[in-house]
PDB file of N, CA and C in Angstrom:
ATOM      1  N   MET A   1      39.750 110.948  78.044  1.00  0.00           N
ATOM      2  CA  MET A   1      40.390 112.205  78.328  1.00  0.00           C
ATOM      3  C   MET A   1      41.823 111.930  78.800  1.00  0.00           C
ATOM      4  N   ALA A   2      42.764 112.645  78.250  1.00  0.00           N
ATOM      5  CA  ALA A   2      44.167 112.474  78.632  1.00  0.00           C
ATOM      6  C   ALA A   2      44.393 113.044  80.029  1.00  0.00           C
ATOM      7  N   ILE A   3      45.290 112.400  80.744  1.00  0.00           N
ATOM      8  CA  ILE A   3      45.645 112.860  82.077  1.00  0.00           C
ATOM      9  C   ILE A   3      46.930 113.678  81.965  1.00  0.00           C
ATOM     10  N   LEU A   4      46.892 114.890  82.504  1.00  0.00           N
ATOM     11  CA  LEU A   4      48.077 115.736  82.492  1.00  0.00           C
ATOM     12  C   LEU A   4      48.956 115.370  83.676  1.00  0.00           C
ATOM     13  N   SER A   5      50.251 115.359  83.456  1.00  0.00           N
ATOM     14  CA  SER A   5      51.190 114.998  84.506  1.00  0.00           C
ATOM     15  C   SER A   5      52.245 116.075  84.632  1.00  0.00           C
ATOM     16  N   LYS A   6      52.713 116.273  85.848  1.00  0.00           N
ATOM     17  CA  LYS A   6      53.808 117.222  86.048  1.00  0.00           C
ATOM     18  C   LYS A   6      55.152 116.578  85.703  1.00  0.00           C
ATOM     19  N   TYR A   7      55.131 115.291  85.348  1.00  0.00           N
ATOM     20  CA  TYR A   7      56.350 114.563  84.999  1.00  0.00           C
ATOM     21  C   TYR A   7      56.392 114.332  83.493  1.00  0.00           C
ATOM     22  N   SER A   8      57.574 114.406  82.933  1.00  0.00           N
ATOM     23  CA  SER A   8      57.706 114.186  81.492  1.00  0.00           C
ATOM     24  C   SER A   8      57.589 112.694  81.175  1.00  0.00           C
ATOM     25  N   ASN A   9      57.232 112.400  79.934  1.00  0.00           N
ATOM     26  CA  ASN A   9      57.195 111.010  79.493  1.00  0.00           C
ATOM     27  C   ASN A   9      58.559 110.357  79.661  1.00  0.00           C
ATOM     28  N   ASP A  10      59.631 111.120  79.398  1.00  0.00           N
ATOM     29  CA  ASP A  10      60.984 110.575  79.563  1.00  0.00           C
ATOM     30  C   ASP A  10      61.256 110.161  80.999  1.00  0.00           C
ATOM     31  N   GLN A  11      60.833 110.985  81.967  1.00  0.00           N
ATOM     32  CA  GLN A  11      61.026 110.634  83.375  1.00  0.00           C
ATOM     33  C   GLN A  11      60.286 109.349  83.724  1.00  0.00           C
ATOM     34  N   VAL A  12      59.061 109.259  83.282  1.00  0.00           N
ATOM     35  CA  VAL A  12      58.233 108.087  83.587  1.00  0.00           C
ATOM     36  C   VAL A  12      58.823 106.846  82.924  1.00  0.00           C
ATOM     37  N   GLU A  13      59.155 106.948  81.647  1.00  0.00           N
ATOM     38  CA  GLU A  13      59.688 105.802  80.911  1.00  0.00           C
ATOM     39  C   GLU A  13      61.019 105.333  81.481  1.00  0.00           C
ATOM     40  N   LYS A  14      61.889 106.255  81.871  1.00  0.00           N
ATOM     41  CA  LYS A  14      63.194 105.885  82.434  1.00  0.00           C
ATOM     42  C   LYS A  14      63.021 105.085  83.725  1.00  0.00           C
ATOM     43  N   LEU A  15      62.173 105.578  84.605  1.00  0.00           N
ATOM     44  CA  LEU A  15      61.956 104.875  85.862  1.00  0.00           C
ATOM     45  C   LEU A  15      61.270 103.535  85.647  1.00  0.00           C
ATOM     46  N   LEU A  16      60.283 103.502  84.762  1.00  0.00           N
ATOM     47  CA  LEU A  16      59.599 102.251  84.442  1.00  0.00           C
ATOM     48  C   LEU A  16      60.578 101.219  83.907  1.00  0.00           C
ATOM     49  N   ASN A  17      61.426 101.629  82.977  1.00  0.00           N
ATOM     50  CA  ASN A  17      62.409 100.705  82.411  1.00  0.00           C
ATOM     51  C   ASN A  17      63.374 100.182  83.469  1.00  0.00           C
ATOM     52  N   GLU A  18      63.793 101.046  84.388  1.00  0.00           N
ATOM     53  CA  GLU A  18      64.690 100.598  85.456  1.00  0.00           C
ATOM     54  C   GLU A  18      64.019  99.571  86.360  1.00  0.00           C
ATOM     55  N   LEU A  19      62.759  99.806  86.695  1.00  0.00           N
ATOM     56  CA  LEU A  19      62.025  98.846  87.526  1.00  0.00           C
ATOM     57  C   LEU A  19      61.854  97.511  86.807  1.00  0.00           C
ATOM     58  N   LEU A  20      61.493  97.580  85.528  1.00  0.00           N
ATOM     59  CA  LEU A  20      61.318  96.349  84.752  1.00  0.00           C
ATOM     60  C   LEU A  20      62.631  95.582  84.605  1.00  0.00           C
ATOM     61  N   LEU A  21      63.748  96.294  84.467  1.00  0.00           N
ATOM     62  CA  LEU A  21      65.047  95.626  84.379  1.00  0.00           C
ATOM     63  C   LEU A  21      65.362  94.854  85.658  1.00  0.00           C
ATOM     64  N   VAL A  22      65.036  95.427  86.808  1.00  0.00           N
ATOM     65  CA  VAL A  22      65.262  94.727  88.083  1.00  0.00           C
ATOM     66  C   VAL A  22      64.430  93.447  88.134  1.00  0.00           C
ATOM     67  N   LEU A  23      63.173  93.541  87.717  1.00  0.00           N
ATOM     68  CA  LEU A  23      62.311  92.358  87.723  1.00  0.00           C
ATOM     69  C   LEU A  23      62.829  91.296  86.750  1.00  0.00           C
ATOM     70  N   GLU A  24      63.257  91.727  85.571  1.00  0.00           N
ATOM     71  CA  GLU A  24      63.803  90.777  84.592  1.00  0.00           C
ATOM     72  C   GLU A  24      65.107  90.160  85.087  1.00  0.00           C
ATOM     73  N   LYS A  25      65.979  90.975  85.654  1.00  0.00           N
ATOM     74  CA  LYS A  25      67.266  90.497  86.159  1.00  0.00           C
ATOM     75  C   LYS A  25      67.065  89.375  87.180  1.00  0.00           C
ATOM     76  N   ASN A  26      66.026  89.498  87.978  1.00  0.00           N
ATOM     77  CA  ASN A  26      65.741  88.506  89.007  1.00  0.00           C
ATOM     78  C   ASN A  26      64.800  87.409  88.522  1.00  0.00           C
ATOM     79  N   GLN A  27      64.481  87.424  87.231  1.00  0.00           N
ATOM     80  CA  GLN A  27      63.574  86.433  86.642  1.00  0.00           C
ATOM     81  C   GLN A  27      62.309  86.277  87.496  1.00  0.00           C
ATOM     82  N   THR A  28      61.727  87.416  87.803  1.00  0.00           N
ATOM     83  CA  THR A  28      60.596  87.470  88.714  1.00  0.00           C
ATOM     84  C   THR A  28      59.325  86.963  88.035  1.00  0.00           C
ATOM     85  N   PRO A  29      58.674  85.953  88.625  1.00  0.00           N
ATOM     86  CA  PRO A  29      57.391  85.497  88.077  1.00  0.00           C
ATOM     87  C   PRO A  29      56.340  86.615  88.192  1.00  0.00           C
ATOM     88  N   THR A  30      55.361  86.585  87.316  1.00  0.00           N
ATOM     89  CA  THR A  30      54.341  87.625  87.262  1.00  0.00           C
ATOM     90  C   THR A  30      53.656  87.843  88.605  1.00  0.00           C
ATOM     91  N   ASP A  31      53.246  86.764  89.273  1.00  0.00           N
ATOM     92  CA  ASP A  31      52.525  86.926  90.535  1.00  0.00           C
ATOM     93  C   ASP A  31      53.398  87.585  91.599  1.00  0.00           C
ATOM     94  N   LEU A  32      54.670  87.227  91.656  1.00  0.00           N
ATOM     95  CA  LEU A  32      55.576  87.838  92.626  1.00  0.00           C
ATOM     96  C   LEU A  32      55.824  89.302  92.281  1.00  0.00           C
ATOM     97  N   ALA A  33      56.013  89.602  90.992  1.00  0.00           N
ATOM     98  CA  ALA A  33      56.232  90.986  90.567  1.00  0.00           C
ATOM     99  C   ALA A  33      55.047  91.864  90.964  1.00  0.00           C
ATOM    100  N   LEU A  34      53.830  91.378  90.720  1.00  0.00           N
ATOM    101  CA  LEU A  34      52.645  92.151  91.077  1.00  0.00           C
ATOM    102  C   LEU A  34      52.519  92.311  92.590  1.00  0.00           C
ATOM    103  N   MET A  35      52.854  91.266  93.338  1.00  0.00           N
ATOM    104  CA  MET A  35      52.797  91.342  94.792  1.00  0.00           C
ATOM    105  C   MET A  35      53.784  92.398  95.311  1.00  0.00           C
ATOM    106  N   VAL A  36      55.007  92.371  94.776  1.00  0.00           N
ATOM    107  CA  VAL A  36      56.028  93.320  95.215  1.00  0.00           C
ATOM    108  C   VAL A  36      55.649  94.746  94.824  1.00  0.00           C
ATOM    109  N   LEU A  37      55.182  94.927  93.594  1.00  0.00           N
ATOM    110  CA  LEU A  37      54.781  96.269  93.163  1.00  0.00           C
ATOM    111  C   LEU A  37      53.594  96.781  93.979  1.00  0.00           C
ATOM    112  N   GLY A  38      52.666  95.898  94.301  1.00  0.00           N
ATOM    113  CA  GLY A  38      51.547  96.279  95.167  1.00  0.00           C
ATOM    114  C   GLY A  38      52.017  96.667  96.550  1.00  0.00           C
ATOM    115  N   ASN A  39      52.973  95.911  97.096  1.00  0.00           N
ATOM    116  CA  ASN A  39      53.530  96.240  98.407  1.00  0.00           C
ATOM    117  C   ASN A  39      54.258  97.578  98.368  1.00  0.00           C
ATOM    118  N   CYS A  40      54.937  97.859  97.250  1.00  0.00           N
ATOM    119  CA  CYS A  40      55.611  99.157  97.090  1.00  0.00           C
ATOM    120  C   CYS A  40      54.583 100.287  97.102  1.00  0.00           C
ATOM    121  N   ALA A  41      53.493 100.107  96.358  1.00  0.00           N
ATOM    122  CA  ALA A  41      52.448 101.130  96.316  1.00  0.00           C
ATOM    123  C   ALA A  41      51.866 101.351  97.711  1.00  0.00           C
ATOM    124  N   THR A  42      51.610 100.281  98.429  1.00  0.00           N
ATOM    125  CA  THR A  42      51.078 100.388  99.782  1.00  0.00           C
ATOM    126  C   THR A  42      52.045 101.117 100.699  1.00  0.00           C
ATOM    127  N   ASP A  43      53.327 100.776 100.605  1.00  0.00           N
ATOM    128  CA  ASP A  43      54.333 101.421 101.441  1.00  0.00           C
ATOM    129  C   ASP A  43      54.416 102.916 101.141  1.00  0.00           C
ATOM    130  N   ILE A  44      54.418 103.274  99.867  1.00  0.00           N
ATOM    131  CA  ILE A  44      54.493 104.686  99.482  1.00  0.00           C
ATOM    132  C   ILE A  44      53.276 105.446 100.004  1.00  0.00           C
ATOM    133  N   ILE A  45      52.103 104.877  99.829  1.00  0.00           N
ATOM    134  CA  ILE A  45      50.881 105.529 100.314  1.00  0.00           C
ATOM    135  C   ILE A  45      50.919 105.689 101.831  1.00  0.00           C
ATOM    136  N   ASN A  46      51.258 104.628 102.556  1.00  0.00           N
ATOM    137  CA  ASN A  46      51.277 104.691 104.022  1.00  0.00           C
ATOM    138  C   ASN A  46      52.358 105.627 104.551  1.00  0.00           C
ATOM    139  N   ARG A  47      53.453 105.749 103.823  1.00  0.00           N
ATOM    140  CA  ARG A  47      54.577 106.569 104.282  1.00  0.00           C
ATOM    141  C   ARG A  47      54.421 108.031 103.901  1.00  0.00           C
ATOM    142  N   ASP A  48      53.893 108.298 102.702  1.00  0.00           N
ATOM    143  CA  ASP A  48      53.959 109.651 102.159  1.00  0.00           C
ATOM    144  C   ASP A  48      52.624 110.382 102.029  1.00  0.00           C
ATOM    145  N   VAL A  49      51.523 109.726 102.331  1.00  0.00           N
ATOM    146  CA  VAL A  49      50.204 110.336 102.168  1.00  0.00           C
ATOM    147  C   VAL A  49      49.549 110.462 103.541  1.00  0.00           C
ATOM    148  N   ALA A  50      48.918 111.589 103.757  1.00  0.00           N
ATOM    149  CA  ALA A  50      48.222 111.813 105.033  1.00  0.00           C
ATOM    150  C   ALA A  50      47.173 110.721 105.258  1.00  0.00           C
ATOM    151  N   PRO A  51      47.040 110.263 106.495  1.00  0.00           N
ATOM    152  CA  PRO A  51      46.086 109.184 106.775  1.00  0.00           C
ATOM    153  C   PRO A  51      44.683 109.438 106.244  1.00  0.00           C
ATOM    154  N   ALA A  52      44.199 110.660 106.319  1.00  0.00           N
ATOM    155  CA  ALA A  52      42.839 110.961 105.870  1.00  0.00           C
ATOM    156  C   ALA A  52      42.682 110.834 104.358  1.00  0.00           C
ATOM    157  N   ALA A  53      43.787 110.867 103.611  1.00  0.00           N
ATOM    158  CA  ALA A  53      43.713 110.826 102.149  1.00  0.00           C
ATOM    159  C   ALA A  53      44.085 109.471 101.571  1.00  0.00           C
ATOM    160  N   ARG A  54      44.534 108.548 102.386  1.00  0.00           N
ATOM    161  CA  ARG A  54      45.055 107.271 101.893  1.00  0.00           C
ATOM    162  C   ARG A  54      44.023 106.425 101.169  1.00  0.00           C
ATOM    163  N   LYS A  55      42.850 106.262 101.763  1.00  0.00           N
ATOM    164  CA  LYS A  55      41.847 105.395 101.160  1.00  0.00           C
ATOM    165  C   LYS A  55      41.420 105.928  99.801  1.00  0.00           C
ATOM    166  N   ARG A  56      41.185 107.224  99.706  1.00  0.00           N
ATOM    167  CA  ARG A  56      40.753 107.816  98.433  1.00  0.00           C
ATOM    168  C   ARG A  56      41.844 107.673  97.378  1.00  0.00           C
ATOM    169  N   LEU A  57      43.100 107.897  97.762  1.00  0.00           N
ATOM    170  CA  LEU A  57      44.197 107.753  96.814  1.00  0.00           C
ATOM    171  C   LEU A  57      44.310 106.304  96.338  1.00  0.00           C
ATOM    172  N   ALA A  58      44.178 105.359  97.263  1.00  0.00           N
ATOM    173  CA  ALA A  58      44.231 103.944  96.884  1.00  0.00           C
ATOM    174  C   ALA A  58      43.093 103.595  95.927  1.00  0.00           C
ATOM    175  N   GLU A  59      41.912 104.152  96.158  1.00  0.00           N
ATOM    176  CA  GLU A  59      40.785 103.923  95.251  1.00  0.00           C
ATOM    177  C   GLU A  59      41.073 104.501  93.869  1.00  0.00           C
ATOM    178  N   GLN A  60      41.627 105.704  93.821  1.00  0.00           N
ATOM    179  CA  GLN A  60      41.966 106.334  92.537  1.00  0.00           C
ATOM    180  C   GLN A  60      43.052 105.532  91.818  1.00  0.00           C
ATOM    181  N   PHE A  61      44.019 105.035  92.571  1.00  0.00           N
ATOM    182  CA  PHE A  61      45.087 104.218  91.997  1.00  0.00           C
ATOM    183  C   PHE A  61      44.490 102.952  91.382  1.00  0.00           C
ATOM    184  N   GLY A  62      43.595 102.310  92.114  1.00  0.00           N
ATOM    185  CA  GLY A  62      42.938 101.102  91.605  1.00  0.00           C
ATOM    186  C   GLY A  62      42.116 101.380  90.359  1.00  0.00           C
ATOM    187  N   GLN A  63      41.409 102.500  90.333  1.00  0.00           N
ATOM    188  CA  GLN A  63      40.617 102.870  89.166  1.00  0.00           C
ATOM    189  C   GLN A  63      41.523 103.151  87.966  1.00  0.00           C
ATOM    190  N   ALA A  64      42.644 103.816  88.210  1.00  0.00           N
ATOM    191  CA  ALA A  64      43.581 104.101  87.122  1.00  0.00           C
ATOM    192  C   ALA A  64      44.177 102.805  86.581  1.00  0.00           C
ATOM    193  N   LEU A  65      44.463 101.869  87.460  1.00  0.00           N
ATOM    194  CA  LEU A  65      44.999 100.576  87.035  1.00  0.00           C
ATOM    195  C   LEU A  65      43.979  99.841  86.170  1.00  0.00           C
ATOM    196  N   LEU A  66      42.744  99.792  86.635  1.00  0.00           N
ATOM    197  CA  LEU A  66      41.698  99.132  85.849  1.00  0.00           C
ATOM    198  C   LEU A  66      41.520  99.795  84.488  1.00  0.00           C
ATOM    199  N   ALA A  67      41.572 101.112  84.452  1.00  0.00           N
ATOM    200  CA  ALA A  67      41.381 101.832  83.198  1.00  0.00           C
ATOM    201  C   ALA A  67      42.542 101.605  82.229  1.00  0.00           C
ATOM    202  N   SER A  68      43.712 101.279  82.761  1.00  0.00           N
ATOM    203  CA  SER A  68      44.888 101.138  81.899  1.00  0.00           C
ATOM    204  C   SER A  68      45.109  99.703  81.417  1.00  0.00           C
ATOM    205  N   VAL A  69      44.377  98.758  81.958  1.00  0.00           N
ATOM    206  CA  VAL A  69      44.544  97.359  81.571  1.00  0.00           C
ATOM    207  C   VAL A  69      43.891  97.117  80.220  1.00  0.00           C
ATOM    208  N   ASP A  70      44.627  96.497  79.331  1.00  0.00           N
ATOM    209  CA  ASP A  70      44.119  96.153  78.005  1.00  0.00           C
ATOM    210  C   ASP A  70      43.351  94.844  78.124  1.00  0.00           C
ATOM    211  N   ASP A  71      42.034  94.915  77.976  1.00  0.00           N
ATOM    212  CA  ASP A  71      41.221  93.697  78.157  1.00  0.00           C
ATOM    213  C   ASP A  71      40.885  93.007  76.840  1.00  0.00           C
ATOM    214  N   ARG A  72      41.601  93.378  75.778  1.00  0.00           N
ATOM    215  CA  ARG A  72      41.402  92.662  74.514  1.00  0.00           C
ATOM    216  C   ARG A  72      42.035  91.283  74.643  1.00  0.00           C
ATOM    217  N   HIS A  73      41.395  90.323  74.035  1.00  0.00           N
ATOM    218  CA  HIS A  73      41.935  88.954  74.056  1.00  0.00           C
ATOM    219  C   HIS A  73      42.933  88.783  72.931  1.00  0.00           C
ATOM    220  N   ASP A  74      44.132  88.350  73.286  1.00  0.00           N
ATOM    221  CA  ASP A  74      45.143  88.079  72.258  1.00  0.00           C
ATOM    222  C   ASP A  74      44.867  86.748  71.607  1.00  0.00           C
ATOM    223  N   ALA A  75      45.061  86.682  70.317  1.00  0.00           N
ATOM    224  CA  ALA A  75      44.820  85.437  69.590  1.00  0.00           C
ATOM    225  C   ALA A  75      46.045  84.569  69.587  1.00  0.00           C
TER     226      ALA A  75
END
């Protein structure tokens, strides 16, 4: 089932590309990039989400991440 968003694909893609450019510019290794992005997600949740809703949002975020990962093996 598709997820509806209040944000346009253009908005999402523009921000994603800007974030990826910063990581590329700094030649960021994969493990460091994931650590930093995870820390960003944690900071946003702790700063902008009510304490009572944080755990559930983090669980939903984790589920969305798992659902979006391509688990096909590349040859």
